[in-house]
């Protein structure tokens, strides 16, 4: 998943790579992480994206970099999952 953080990866692709059934992957993954596969991957992306924003990368460039279809969709997801908009996050974490 780390190697594919900048792209979209599907559960069937992950299951095939791990040589396990999709249902087995979902069950084992949720048991070991406490999250469904897609939610965990989204959290990974947003954590990495928040570091990019904190380091001064533009929100639009960050959205594109992590494979979101638009900056506005990225902003909606970021706010829903992180609890603050990317713009406000950038303002709160900018380096002086």
Protein backbone atom coordinates (compact mmCIF):
# COMPACT_ATOMS: atom_id res chain seq x y z
CA UNK A 1 0.00 0.00 0.00
CA UNK A 2 2.87 2.35 0.75
CA UNK A 3 4.27 1.81 -2.74
CA UNK A 4 0.91 2.77 -4.24
CA UNK A 5 0.09 5.76 -2.03
CA UNK A 6 0.07 8.10 -5.04
CA UNK A 7 -2.38 5.99 -7.01
CA UNK A 8 -5.68 4.25 -6.63
CA UNK A 9 -5.40 0.60 -5.69
CA UNK A 10 -8.36 -1.75 -5.44
CA UNK A 11 -9.14 -4.48 -2.97
CA UNK A 12 -8.98 -7.11 -5.75
CA UNK A 13 -5.47 -5.89 -6.65
CA UNK A 14 -4.29 -6.03 -3.04
CA UNK A 15 -5.84 -9.47 -2.53
CA UNK A 16 -4.20 -10.78 -5.69
CA UNK A 17 -0.82 -9.37 -4.62
CA UNK A 18 -1.19 -11.02 -1.19
CA UNK A 19 -2.45 -14.24 -2.76
CA UNK A 20 -5.57 -14.27 -0.61
CA UNK A 21 -9.29 -13.99 -1.33
CA UNK A 22 -10.91 -10.58 -1.15
CA UNK A 23 -13.11 -11.63 1.76
CA UNK A 24 -10.10 -13.08 3.57
CA UNK A 25 -8.16 -9.87 3.04
CA UNK A 26 -11.03 -7.75 4.35
CA UNK A 27 -11.52 -9.94 7.41
CA UNK A 28 -7.83 -10.19 8.34
CA UNK A 29 -7.15 -6.55 7.62
CA UNK A 30 -10.05 -5.26 9.71
CA UNK A 31 -9.13 -7.57 12.57
CA UNK A 32 -5.49 -6.47 12.62
CA UNK A 33 -5.93 -2.72 11.97
CA UNK A 34 -9.45 -1.99 13.17
CA UNK A 35 -10.29 -0.41 9.79
CA UNK A 36 -11.63 -1.62 6.46
CA UNK A 37 -8.96 -1.75 3.76
CA UNK A 38 -10.21 1.29 1.83
CA UNK A 39 -10.55 3.43 4.98
CA UNK A 40 -7.03 2.55 6.12
CA UNK A 41 -5.59 3.38 2.70
CA UNK A 42 -7.49 6.68 2.67
CA UNK A 43 -6.08 7.53 6.12
CA UNK A 44 -2.57 6.72 4.87
CA UNK A 45 -3.05 9.05 1.90
CA UNK A 46 -4.45 11.86 4.01
CA UNK A 47 -1.66 11.60 6.60
CA UNK A 48 0.94 11.83 3.83
CA UNK A 49 -1.03 14.63 2.12
CA UNK A 50 -1.21 16.61 5.35
CA UNK A 51 2.59 16.48 5.60
CA UNK A 52 2.87 17.83 2.04
CA UNK A 53 0.50 20.68 2.88
CA UNK A 54 2.38 21.38 6.11
CA UNK A 55 5.61 21.56 4.12
CA UNK A 56 4.17 24.20 1.80
CA UNK A 57 2.87 22.18 -1.15
CA UNK A 58 -0.27 23.63 -2.69
CA UNK A 59 -3.57 21.96 -1.96
CA UNK A 60 -4.26 21.48 -5.67
CA UNK A 61 -0.86 19.86 -6.28
CA UNK A 62 -1.34 17.64 -3.23
CA UNK A 63 -4.77 16.51 -4.41
CA UNK A 64 -3.36 15.62 -7.83
CA UNK A 65 -0.30 13.93 -6.33
CA UNK A 66 -2.44 11.57 -4.25
CA UNK A 67 -4.82 10.68 -7.07
CA UNK A 68 -7.93 12.62 -6.07
CA UNK A 69 -10.11 13.52 -9.05
CA UNK A 70 -10.33 17.19 -8.04
CA UNK A 71 -9.12 19.65 -5.44
CA UNK A 72 -12.69 20.20 -4.24
CA UNK A 73 -13.26 16.47 -3.65
CA UNK A 74 -9.92 16.26 -1.85
CA UNK A 75 -10.99 19.16 0.37
CA UNK A 76 -14.31 17.51 1.23
CA UNK A 77 -12.62 14.22 2.11
CA UNK A 78 -9.81 15.93 4.02
CA UNK A 79 -12.27 17.91 6.14
CA UNK A 80 -14.48 14.88 6.77
CA UNK A 81 -11.57 12.70 7.87
CA UNK A 82 -9.17 15.19 9.49
CA UNK A 83 -11.80 17.53 10.91
CA UNK A 84 -10.44 20.73 9.36
CA UNK A 85 -10.28 22.02 5.81
CA UNK A 86 -6.94 21.75 4.01
CA UNK A 87 -6.80 25.55 3.75
CA UNK A 88 -7.24 26.00 7.50
CA UNK A 89 -4.80 23.15 8.14
CA UNK A 90 -2.23 24.93 5.99
CA UNK A 91 -2.76 28.18 7.87
CA UNK A 92 -2.44 26.47 11.26
CA UNK A 93 0.66 24.47 10.40
CA UNK A 94 2.63 26.77 8.13
CA UNK A 95 6.25 27.20 8.97
CA UNK A 96 7.38 30.63 10.05
